[in-house]
C-alpha atoms as a PDB file:
ATOM      1  CA  MET A   1      29.670  52.200   4.979  1.00  0.00           C
ATOM      2  CA  ASN A   2      32.763  50.147   4.179  1.00  0.00           C
ATOM      3  CA  PHE A   3      32.136  45.794   3.965  1.00  0.00           C
ATOM      4  CA  THR A   4      33.263  45.450   7.535  1.00  0.00           C
ATOM      5  CA  GLU A   5      30.477  47.717   8.649  1.00  0.00           C
ATOM      6  CA  PHE A   6      27.968  46.189   6.684  1.00  0.00           C
ATOM      7  CA  LEU A   7      28.664  43.017   8.195  1.00  0.00           C
ATOM      8  CA  SER A   8      28.726  43.986  11.375  1.00  0.00           C
ATOM      9  CA  GLU A   9      25.495  45.846  11.164  1.00  0.00           C
ATOM     10  CA  TRP A  10      24.020  43.125   9.304  1.00  0.00           C
ATOM     11  CA  SER A  11      25.520  40.138  10.348  1.00  0.00           C
ATOM     12  CA  VAL A  12      22.454  38.642  12.405  1.00  0.00           C
ATOM     13  CA  LEU A  13      19.972  38.826   9.575  1.00  0.00           C
ATOM     14  CA  ILE A  14      23.075  37.317   7.425  1.00  0.00           C
ATOM     15  CA  SER A  15      23.130  34.635   9.705  1.00  0.00           C
ATOM     16  CA  ILE A  16      19.890  33.724   9.744  1.00  0.00           C
ATOM     17  CA  GLY A  17      19.648  34.059   5.686  1.00  0.00           C
ATOM     18  CA  VAL A  18      22.409  31.525   5.307  1.00  0.00           C
ATOM     19  CA  ILE A  19      20.838  29.369   8.434  1.00  0.00           C
ATOM     20  CA  LEU A  20      17.440  29.422   6.171  1.00  0.00           C
ATOM     21  CA  VAL A  21      19.276  28.536   2.698  1.00  0.00           C
ATOM     22  CA  ALA A  22      21.405  25.814   4.058  1.00  0.00           C
ATOM     23  CA  ALA A  23      18.327  24.119   5.780  1.00  0.00           C
ATOM     24  CA  ILE A  24      16.313  24.801   2.340  1.00  0.00           C
ATOM     25  CA  ILE A  25      19.321  22.962   0.242  1.00  0.00           C
ATOM     26  CA  LEU A  26      19.501  19.935   2.771  1.00  0.00           C
ATOM     27  CA  ARG A  27      16.296  19.124   2.738  1.00  0.00           C
ATOM     28  CA  ILE A  28      15.897  19.725  -0.994  1.00  0.00           C
ATOM     29  CA  LEU A  29      19.360  17.282  -1.304  1.00  0.00           C
ATOM     30  CA  LEU A  30      17.720  14.625   1.300  1.00  0.00           C
ATOM     31  CA  GLY A  31      14.571  14.405  -0.976  1.00  0.00           C
ATOM     32  CA  LEU A  32      16.131  13.973  -4.692  1.00  0.00           C
ATOM     33  CA  ALA A  33      18.620  11.304  -2.487  1.00  0.00           C
ATOM     34  CA  SER A  34      15.425   9.925  -0.967  1.00  0.00           C
ATOM     35  CA  LYS A  35      13.738   9.767  -4.501  1.00  0.00           C
ATOM     36  CA  ARG A  36      16.668   8.247  -6.590  1.00  0.00           C
ATOM     37  CA  ILE A  37      16.981   5.723  -4.196  1.00  0.00           C
ATOM     38  CA  VAL A  38      13.244   4.581  -4.860  1.00  0.00           C
ATOM     39  CA  LYS A  39      13.664   5.522  -8.779  1.00  0.00           C
ATOM     40  CA  THR A  40      17.111   2.791  -8.457  1.00  0.00           C
ATOM     41  CA  ILE A  41      14.869  -0.005  -6.957  1.00  0.00           C
ATOM     42  CA  VAL A  42      11.988   0.117  -9.082  1.00  0.00           C
ATOM     43  CA  SER A  43      13.815   0.355 -12.207  1.00  0.00           C
ATOM     44  CA  GLY A  44      15.837  -2.650 -10.997  1.00  0.00           C
ATOM     45  CA  VAL A  45      12.280  -4.364 -10.620  1.00  0.00           C
ATOM     46  CA  LYS A  46      11.374  -3.355 -14.074  1.00  0.00           C
ATOM     47  CA  ARG A  47      14.394  -5.070 -15.278  1.00  0.00           C
ATOM     48  CA  VAL A  48      13.600  -8.640 -13.992  1.00  0.00           C
ATOM     49  CA  LYS A  49      12.992 -11.224 -16.721  1.00  0.00           C
ATOM     50  CA  GLN A  50       9.605 -12.836 -17.284  1.00  0.00           C
ATOM     51  CA  ASP A  51      11.697 -16.375 -16.745  1.00  0.00           C
ATOM     52  CA  GLU A  52      13.070 -15.542 -13.392  1.00  0.00           C
ATOM     53  CA  ARG A  53      11.528 -17.298 -10.709  1.00  0.00           C
ATOM     54  CA  MET A  54       8.241 -16.023  -9.230  1.00  0.00           C
ATOM     55  CA  ASP A  55       8.995 -15.998  -5.542  1.00  0.00           C
ATOM     56  CA  ALA A  56      12.075 -13.739  -6.495  1.00  0.00           C
ATOM     57  CA  ILE A  57       9.727 -11.068  -8.553  1.00  0.00           C
ATOM     58  CA  LEU A  58       7.426 -11.308  -5.574  1.00  0.00           C
ATOM     59  CA  ALA A  59      10.334 -10.293  -3.199  1.00  0.00           C
ATOM     60  CA  GLU A  60      11.232  -7.479  -5.537  1.00  0.00           C
ATOM     61  CA  GLN A  61       8.150  -6.027  -6.008  1.00  0.00           C
ATOM     62  CA  ARG A  62       7.457  -5.815  -2.151  1.00  0.00           C
ATOM     63  CA  LEU A  63      11.037  -4.399  -1.711  1.00  0.00           C
ATOM     64  CA  THR A  64       9.820  -1.683  -4.032  1.00  0.00           C
ATOM     65  CA  GLN A  65       6.596  -0.858  -2.008  1.00  0.00           C
ATOM     66  CA  ARG A  66       8.403  -0.937   1.417  1.00  0.00           C
ATOM     67  CA  THR A  67      11.515   1.273  -0.001  1.00  0.00           C
ATOM     68  CA  LYS A  68       8.434   4.027  -1.089  1.00  0.00           C
ATOM     69  CA  THR A  69       7.046   3.579   2.119  1.00  0.00           C
ATOM     70  CA  ILE A  70      10.511   3.734   4.098  1.00  0.00           C
ATOM     71  CA  ALA A  71      11.297   7.098   1.974  1.00  0.00           C
ATOM     72  CA  SER A  72       7.972   8.580   2.897  1.00  0.00           C
ATOM     73  CA  VAL A  73       8.788   8.380   6.833  1.00  0.00           C
ATOM     74  CA  LEU A  74      12.376   9.272   6.510  1.00  0.00           C
ATOM     75  CA  ASP A  75      11.027  12.289   4.367  1.00  0.00           C
ATOM     76  CA  ASN A  76       8.738  13.501   7.469  1.00  0.00           C
ATOM     77  CA  PHE A  77      11.331  12.958   9.901  1.00  0.00           C
ATOM     78  CA  ALA A  78      14.396  15.061   7.493  1.00  0.00           C
ATOM     79  CA  THR A  79      11.587  17.701   7.313  1.00  0.00           C
ATOM     80  CA  TRP A  80      10.963  17.921  11.127  1.00  0.00           C
ATOM     81  CA  ALA A  81      14.884  17.460  12.218  1.00  0.00           C
ATOM     82  CA  ILE A  82      16.061  20.367   9.689  1.00  0.00           C
ATOM     83  CA  ALA A  83      13.191  22.745  10.655  1.00  0.00           C
ATOM     84  CA  ILE A  84      13.927  22.271  14.583  1.00  0.00           C
ATOM     85  CA  THR A  85      17.493  22.836  13.888  1.00  0.00           C
ATOM     86  CA  ALA A  86      17.166  25.769  11.855  1.00  0.00           C
ATOM     87  CA  LEU A  87      14.627  27.072  14.505  1.00  0.00           C
ATOM     88  CA  VAL A  88      17.268  26.464  17.600  1.00  0.00           C
ATOM     89  CA  MET A  89      20.070  28.222  15.489  1.00  0.00           C
ATOM     90  CA  ILE A  90      18.350  31.084  14.456  1.00  0.00           C
ATOM     91  CA  LEU A  91      17.031  31.396  17.889  1.00  0.00           C
ATOM     92  CA  SER A  92      20.510  31.407  19.025  1.00  0.00           C
ATOM     93  CA  GLU A  93      21.474  33.879  16.951  1.00  0.00           C
ATOM     94  CA  PHE A  94      19.207  36.543  18.628  1.00  0.00           C
ATOM     95  CA  GLY A  95      21.171  36.253  21.640  1.00  0.00           C
ATOM     96  CA  ILE A  96      18.111  33.521  23.053  1.00  0.00           C
ATOM     97  CA  ASN A  97      19.931  31.231  25.597  1.00  0.00           C
ATOM     98  CA  VAL A  98      19.366  28.002  23.848  1.00  0.00           C
ATOM     99  CA  GLY A  99      20.230  25.598  26.965  1.00  0.00           C
ATOM    100  CA  ALA A 100      17.856  27.235  28.970  1.00  0.00           C
ATOM    101  CA  LEU A 101      14.775  26.809  26.287  1.00  0.00           C
ATOM    102  CA  ILE A 102      15.515  23.353  25.816  1.00  0.00           C
ATOM    103  CA  ALA A 103      15.865  22.874  29.503  1.00  0.00           C
ATOM    104  CA  VAL A 104      12.206  24.605  29.499  1.00  0.00           C
ATOM    105  CA  SER A 105      11.107  22.573  26.616  1.00  0.00           C
ATOM    106  CA  THR A 106      11.920  19.241  27.912  1.00  0.00           C
ATOM    107  CA  VAL A 107       9.812  19.889  31.149  1.00  0.00           C
ATOM    108  CA  LEU A 108       6.892  21.194  29.069  1.00  0.00           C
ATOM    109  CA  GLY A 109       7.278  18.705  26.585  1.00  0.00           C
ATOM    110  CA  ALA A 110       7.023  15.955  29.331  1.00  0.00           C
ATOM    111  CA  ALA A 111       4.060  17.820  30.526  1.00  0.00           C
ATOM    112  CA  ILE A 112       2.253  18.043  26.844  1.00  0.00           C
ATOM    113  CA  GLY A 113       3.152  14.053  27.021  1.00  0.00           C
ATOM    114  CA  PHE A 114       1.227  13.475  29.417  1.00  0.00           C
ATOM    115  CA  GLY A 115      -1.797  15.113  27.758  1.00  0.00           C
ATOM    116  CA  ALA A 116      -0.964  13.625  24.312  1.00  0.00           C
ATOM    117  CA  GLN A 117      -0.449  10.127  24.606  1.00  0.00           C
ATOM    118  CA  SER A 118      -2.575   9.383  21.771  1.00  0.00           C
ATOM    119  CA  LEU A 119      -0.177  11.346  19.725  1.00  0.00           C
ATOM    120  CA  VAL A 120       2.968   9.415  21.033  1.00  0.00           C
ATOM    121  CA  GLN A 121       0.766   6.430  20.253  1.00  0.00           C
ATOM    122  CA  ASP A 122       0.153   7.142  16.929  1.00  0.00           C
ATOM    123  CA  ILE A 123       3.820   7.940  16.217  1.00  0.00           C
ATOM    124  CA  LEU A 124       5.301   4.855  18.028  1.00  0.00           C
ATOM    125  CA  SER A 125       2.318   2.541  16.061  1.00  0.00           C
ATOM    126  CA  GLY A 126       3.627   4.043  12.799  1.00  0.00           C
ATOM    127  CA  ILE A 127       7.321   3.300  13.254  1.00  0.00           C
ATOM    128  CA  PHE A 128       6.129  -0.277  14.015  1.00  0.00           C
ATOM    129  CA  ILE A 129       4.146  -0.376  10.952  1.00  0.00           C
ATOM    130  CA  VAL A 130       6.729   0.365   8.629  1.00  0.00           C
ATOM    131  CA  PHE A 131       9.887  -1.634   9.799  1.00  0.00           C
ATOM    132  CA  GLU A 132       7.700  -4.666  10.684  1.00  0.00           C
ATOM    133  CA  ASP A 133       6.731  -4.591   7.390  1.00  0.00           C
ATOM    134  CA  GLN A 134       2.498  -4.492   7.908  1.00  0.00           C
ATOM    135  CA  TYR A 135       1.784  -2.495   4.887  1.00  0.00           C
ATOM    136  CA  GLY A 136       3.374   0.192   2.172  1.00  0.00           C
ATOM    137  CA  VAL A 137       2.780   2.295  -0.391  1.00  0.00           C
ATOM    138  CA  GLY A 138       0.815   0.511  -3.404  1.00  0.00           C
ATOM    139  CA  ASP A 139      -0.726  -2.236  -0.933  1.00  0.00           C
ATOM    140  CA  TRP A 140      -4.393  -2.881  -0.800  1.00  0.00           C
ATOM    141  CA  VAL A 141      -5.410  -3.032   3.049  1.00  0.00           C
ATOM    142  CA  GLU A 142      -8.577  -3.446   4.986  1.00  0.00           C
ATOM    143  CA  ILE A 143      -8.406  -1.134   8.290  1.00  0.00           C
ATOM    144  CA  GLY A 144     -11.566  -1.031  10.189  1.00  0.00           C
ATOM    145  CA  ASP A 145     -14.114  -0.141   7.935  1.00  0.00           C
ATOM    146  CA  VAL A 146     -11.754   1.687   5.357  1.00  0.00           C
ATOM    147  CA  SER A 147     -10.540  -0.735   2.427  1.00  0.00           C
ATOM    148  CA  GLY A 148      -8.646   0.465  -0.122  1.00  0.00           C
ATOM    149  CA  GLU A 149      -5.001   1.316  -1.481  1.00  0.00           C
ATOM    150  CA  VAL A 150      -2.290   3.084   0.522  1.00  0.00           C
ATOM    151  CA  GLU A 151      -0.987   6.169  -0.679  1.00  0.00           C
ATOM    152  CA  ARG A 152       0.661   7.337   2.247  1.00  0.00           C
ATOM    153  CA  VAL A 153       2.696   5.954   5.473  1.00  0.00           C
ATOM    154  CA  GLY A 154       3.301   8.906   7.708  1.00  0.00           C
ATOM    155  CA  LEU A 155       4.345   8.698  11.120  1.00  0.00           C
ATOM    156  CA  ARG A 156       0.857   9.873  12.452  1.00  0.00           C
ATOM    157  CA  VAL A 157      -1.665   8.783   9.672  1.00  0.00           C
ATOM    158  CA  THR A 158      -1.885   6.372   6.964  1.00  0.00           C
ATOM    159  CA  GLU A 159      -3.755   7.574   4.031  1.00  0.00           C
ATOM    160  CA  VAL A 160      -5.941   4.805   2.116  1.00  0.00           C
ATOM    161  CA  ARG A 161      -8.139   6.002  -0.884  1.00  0.00           C
ATOM    162  CA  ASP A 162     -10.693   3.808  -1.440  1.00  0.00           C
ATOM    163  CA  ILE A 163     -12.756   2.473  -4.720  1.00  0.00           C
ATOM    164  CA  HIS A 164     -14.785   5.616  -4.799  1.00  0.00           C
ATOM    165  CA  GLY A 165     -11.780   7.949  -4.936  1.00  0.00           C
ATOM    166  CA  THR A 166     -11.999   8.971  -1.171  1.00  0.00           C
ATOM    167  CA  LEU A 167      -9.010   9.492   0.717  1.00  0.00           C
ATOM    168  CA  TRP A 168      -9.530   8.288   4.413  1.00  0.00           C
ATOM    169  CA  PHE A 169      -6.965   9.296   7.146  1.00  0.00           C
ATOM    170  CA  VAL A 170      -6.759   6.965   9.473  1.00  0.00           C
ATOM    171  CA  ARG A 171      -4.230   7.147  12.740  1.00  0.00           C
ATOM    172  CA  ASN A 172      -2.080   4.551  13.522  1.00  0.00           C
ATOM    173  CA  GLY A 173      -2.504   4.556  16.973  1.00  0.00           C
ATOM    174  CA  GLU A 174      -5.996   3.465  16.122  1.00  0.00           C
ATOM    175  CA  ILE A 175      -4.829   0.670  14.032  1.00  0.00           C
ATOM    176  CA  THR A 176      -5.594  -2.558  15.905  1.00  0.00           C
ATOM    177  CA  LYS A 177      -5.628  -5.152  13.139  1.00  0.00           C
ATOM    178  CA  VAL A 178      -5.252  -4.938   9.144  1.00  0.00           C
ATOM    179  CA  GLY A 179      -5.757  -7.016   6.347  1.00  0.00           C
ATOM    180  CA  ASN A 180      -3.341  -6.842   3.599  1.00  0.00           C
ATOM    181  CA  ALA A 181      -4.181  -8.625   0.177  1.00  0.00           C
ATOM    182  CA  SER A 182      -0.676  -7.187  -1.692  1.00  0.00           C
ATOM    183  CA  GLN A 183       1.888  -9.173   0.559  1.00  0.00           C
ATOM    184  CA  GLU A 184       3.835 -12.383  -1.371  1.00  0.00           C
ATOM    185  CA  TRP A 185       0.717 -13.532  -3.007  1.00  0.00           C
ATOM    186  CA  ALA A 186      -3.400 -13.128  -3.367  1.00  0.00           C
ATOM    187  CA  ALA A 187      -6.129 -15.706  -4.048  1.00  0.00           C
ATOM    188  CA  ALA A 188      -9.157 -14.967  -6.872  1.00  0.00           C
ATOM    189  CA  LEU A 189     -12.024 -16.720  -5.370  1.00  0.00           C
ATOM    190  CA  LEU A 190     -15.004 -17.568  -7.796  1.00  0.00           C
ATOM    191  CA  ASP A 191     -18.449 -18.945  -7.480  1.00  0.00           C
ATOM    192  CA  PHE A 192     -20.461 -20.143 -10.198  1.00  0.00           C
ATOM    193  CA  PRO A 193     -24.503 -20.999  -9.587  1.00  0.00           C
ATOM    194  CA  PHE A 194     -25.836 -23.683 -12.460  1.00  0.00           C
ATOM    195  CA  ASP A 195     -29.684 -24.957 -12.693  1.00  0.00           C
ATOM    196  CA  TYR A 196     -29.464 -28.407 -11.006  1.00  0.00           C
ATOM    197  CA  GLU A 197     -30.121 -29.942 -14.247  1.00  0.00           C
ATOM    198  CA  ASN A 198     -26.403 -29.299 -15.445  1.00  0.00           C
ATOM    199  CA  ASP A 199     -23.826 -32.128 -15.714  1.00  0.00           C
ATOM    200  CA  VAL A 200     -20.908 -31.274 -12.729  1.00  0.00           C
ATOM    201  CA  ASP A 201     -18.062 -32.972 -14.470  1.00  0.00           C
ATOM    202  CA  LYS A 202     -19.036 -31.237 -17.923  1.00  0.00           C
ATOM    203  CA  VAL A 203     -19.281 -28.228 -16.095  1.00  0.00           C
ATOM    204  CA  GLN A 204     -16.157 -28.297 -14.390  1.00  0.00           C
ATOM    205  CA  GLY A 205     -14.278 -29.648 -17.214  1.00  0.00           C
ATOM    206  CA  ILE A 206     -15.042 -26.468 -19.009  1.00  0.00           C
ATOM    207  CA  ILE A 207     -13.884 -24.606 -16.348  1.00  0.00           C
ATOM    208  CA  GLU A 208     -11.150 -26.031 -15.801  1.00  0.00           C
ATOM    209  CA  ASP A 209      -9.985 -25.764 -19.433  1.00  0.00           C
ATOM    210  CA  THR A 210     -10.741 -22.185 -19.933  1.00  0.00           C
ATOM    211  CA  ALA A 211      -8.634 -21.085 -16.818  1.00  0.00           C
ATOM    212  CA  LEU A 212      -6.243 -23.408 -18.255  1.00  0.00           C
ATOM    213  CA  ALA A 213      -6.090 -21.447 -21.465  1.00  0.00           C
ATOM    214  CA  MET A 214      -6.132 -18.005 -20.050  1.00  0.00           C
ATOM    215  CA  ARG A 215      -2.977 -18.524 -17.961  1.00  0.00           C
ATOM    216  CA  LYS A 216      -1.256 -19.755 -21.471  1.00  0.00           C
ATOM    217  CA  THR A 217      -1.734 -16.356 -22.778  1.00  0.00           C
ATOM    218  CA  LYS A 218       0.601 -13.762 -22.418  1.00  0.00           C
ATOM    219  CA  GLN A 219      -1.222 -11.396 -20.937  1.00  0.00           C
ATOM    220  CA  TRP A 220      -2.341 -13.488 -18.107  1.00  0.00           C
ATOM    221  CA  SER A 221       0.324 -15.756 -17.459  1.00  0.00           C
ATOM    222  CA  ARG A 222       2.195 -13.706 -15.003  1.00  0.00           C
ATOM    223  CA  ASP A 223      -0.681 -12.675 -13.373  1.00  0.00           C
ATOM    224  CA  MET A 224      -1.652 -16.541 -12.613  1.00  0.00           C
ATOM    225  CA  ILE A 225       0.780 -17.815 -10.230  1.00  0.00           C
ATOM    226  CA  GLU A 226      -0.554 -21.393 -10.433  1.00  0.00           C
ATOM    227  CA  ASP A 227      -3.215 -23.091 -12.483  1.00  0.00           C
ATOM    228  CA  ALA A 228      -7.025 -22.773 -11.245  1.00  0.00           C
ATOM    229  CA  ASP A 229      -7.804 -25.085  -8.327  1.00  0.00           C
ATOM    230  CA  VAL A 230     -11.549 -26.216  -8.733  1.00  0.00           C
ATOM    231  CA  TRP A 231     -12.506 -27.108  -5.325  1.00  0.00           C
ATOM    232  CA  GLY A 232     -15.795 -28.662  -6.643  1.00  0.00           C
ATOM    233  CA  MET A 233     -19.244 -28.290  -5.293  1.00  0.00           C
ATOM    234  CA  GLN A 234     -19.453 -25.482  -2.519  1.00  0.00           C
ATOM    235  CA  HIS A 235     -23.199 -25.801  -2.567  1.00  0.00           C
ATOM    236  CA  VAL A 236     -26.501 -27.624  -3.556  1.00  0.00           C
ATOM    237  CA  SER A 237     -30.143 -27.863  -3.315  1.00  0.00           C
ATOM    238  CA  GLY A 238     -32.910 -28.744  -5.510  1.00  0.00           C
ATOM    239  CA  GLU A 239     -32.657 -25.927  -7.305  1.00  0.00           C
ATOM    240  CA  GLN A 240     -28.916 -25.061  -7.690  1.00  0.00           C
ATOM    241  CA  PHE A 241     -25.530 -26.409  -7.480  1.00  0.00           C
ATOM    242  CA  VAL A 242     -22.122 -23.833  -6.730  1.00  0.00           C
ATOM    243  CA  MET A 243     -18.975 -24.473  -7.890  1.00  0.00           C
ATOM    244  CA  ARG A 244     -16.182 -22.714  -6.649  1.00  0.00           C
ATOM    245  CA  VAL A 245     -12.723 -21.760  -8.254  1.00  0.00           C
ATOM    246  CA  SER A 246      -9.571 -20.607  -6.580  1.00  0.00           C
ATOM    247  CA  ILE A 247      -6.557 -19.354  -8.472  1.00  0.00           C
ATOM    248  CA  ARG A 248      -3.446 -18.332  -7.073  1.00  0.00           C
ATOM    249  CA  THR A 249      -2.187 -15.153  -8.536  1.00  0.00           C
ATOM    250  CA  LEU A 250       0.106 -11.774  -8.147  1.00  0.00           C
ATOM    251  CA  PRO A 251      -0.728  -9.213  -5.250  1.00  0.00           C
ATOM    252  CA  ASN A 252      -3.378  -6.817  -6.260  1.00  0.00           C
ATOM    253  CA  ARG A 253      -3.969  -9.049  -9.634  1.00  0.00           C
ATOM    254  CA  GLN A 254      -6.992 -11.410  -7.985  1.00  0.00           C
ATOM    255  CA  TRP A 255      -9.712  -8.798  -9.014  1.00  0.00           C
ATOM    256  CA  ALA A 256      -8.780  -8.608 -12.873  1.00  0.00           C
ATOM    257  CA  VAL A 257      -7.883 -12.350 -12.684  1.00  0.00           C
ATOM    258  CA  SER A 258     -11.287 -13.028 -11.596  1.00  0.00           C
ATOM    259  CA  ARG A 259     -13.064 -10.681 -14.240  1.00  0.00           C
ATOM    260  CA  GLU A 260     -11.575 -11.984 -16.947  1.00  0.00           C
ATOM    261  CA  LEU A 261     -12.131 -15.687 -16.092  1.00  0.00           C
ATOM    262  CA  ARG A 262     -15.939 -14.853 -15.326  1.00  0.00           C
ATOM    263  CA  LYS A 263     -15.816 -13.628 -19.100  1.00  0.00           C
ATOM    264  CA  ARG A 264     -14.426 -16.037 -20.546  1.00  0.00           C
ATOM    265  CA  CYS A 265     -16.090 -18.995 -18.901  1.00  0.00           C
ATOM    266  CA  LYS A 266     -19.684 -17.155 -19.415  1.00  0.00           C
ATOM    267  CA  GLN A 267     -18.519 -17.418 -23.344  1.00  0.00           C
ATOM    268  CA  ALA A 268     -17.423 -21.071 -22.601  1.00  0.00           C
ATOM    269  CA  PHE A 269     -20.701 -21.782 -21.146  1.00  0.00           C
ATOM    270  CA  ASP A 270     -22.571 -20.073 -23.982  1.00  0.00           C
ATOM    271  CA  LYS A 271     -20.829 -22.139 -26.738  1.00  0.00           C
ATOM    272  CA  GLN A 272     -21.728 -25.627 -24.766  1.00  0.00           C
ATOM    273  CA  GLY A 273     -25.343 -24.348 -23.876  1.00  0.00           C
ATOM    274  CA  ILE A 274     -24.758 -24.511 -20.177  1.00  0.00           C
ATOM    275  CA  SER A 275     -27.282 -21.903 -18.289  1.00  0.00           C
ATOM    276  CA  LEU A 276     -26.027 -20.214 -15.120  1.00  0.00           C
ATOM    277  CA  LEU A 277     -28.728 -19.813 -12.519  1.00  0.00           C
ATOM    278  CA  SER A 278     -31.298 -16.921 -13.036  1.00  0.00           C
ATOM    279  CA  ALA A 279     -31.369 -13.938 -10.730  1.00  0.00           C
ATOM    280  CA  THR A 280     -35.542 -15.381 -10.024  1.00  0.00           C
ATOM    281  CA  LYS A 281     -34.295 -19.035  -9.201  1.00  0.00           C
ATOM    282  CA  ILE A 282     -31.434 -17.306  -6.744  1.00  0.00           C
ATOM    283  CA  ASN A 283     -34.096 -15.361  -4.782  1.00  0.00           C
ATOM    284  CA  MET A 284     -36.233 -18.687  -4.847  1.00  0.00           C
ATOM    285  CA  ALA A 285     -34.100 -20.577  -3.614  1.00  0.00           C
ATOM    286  CA  LYS A 286     -33.273 -18.468  -0.529  1.00  0.00           C
END
């Protein structure tokens, strides 16, 4: 058997093999290109200097998150587009009338579409979520009863991992409202309950001084966008008064700032002999 006869006899299988190899190579190249774009932007964010304006830093971080999200959606789209195209080309190699098949598929797709409106709704919602920048990969969100970090945004579902490590799959079409704690800035809100006998001005001064000293440290200067704002008395009764403090922080850093400030304030109160309201008194006050 010469080479010409070999090609003639095995032409269909060879063509199918070429199509599959080309599809795989194209998918790999698109995946690498997507990852390279994300890596380039993330590297650019890491090179942002500390003395630049804070709003520029936030904008760069948000751009990184959105790029990861769009890359995830494009990966899904590229996979489906390449797979469908390769399937059509393979069917044509077997002599199947692709044009007629597409016509039948269109009619069948329209029929299925009426019965799969929720799927269409999920996909359309996913597209709007991405391009309206409602949330992205790395954002901390609250979607209904689910609260956690977004790990993946697909065309049909959003994957959210909560603080217990549980991965939740939320259909995009079922999302009617979403709270995003990772856009632009966040707020650390702290309430300190004190025994009624403590001096209010002294307590407020300690909180302000402690928060200011914390912001001047290298570790926390970037996370705390502004000085702490002591709102004053949030509640007062015969047993207690509550001081409320608000601190504007970088996205997703409000919890770390809150924990650190609570620890520092507790240490400062102990040095000054100021006692917080005990759990027993809190229950009695309630």
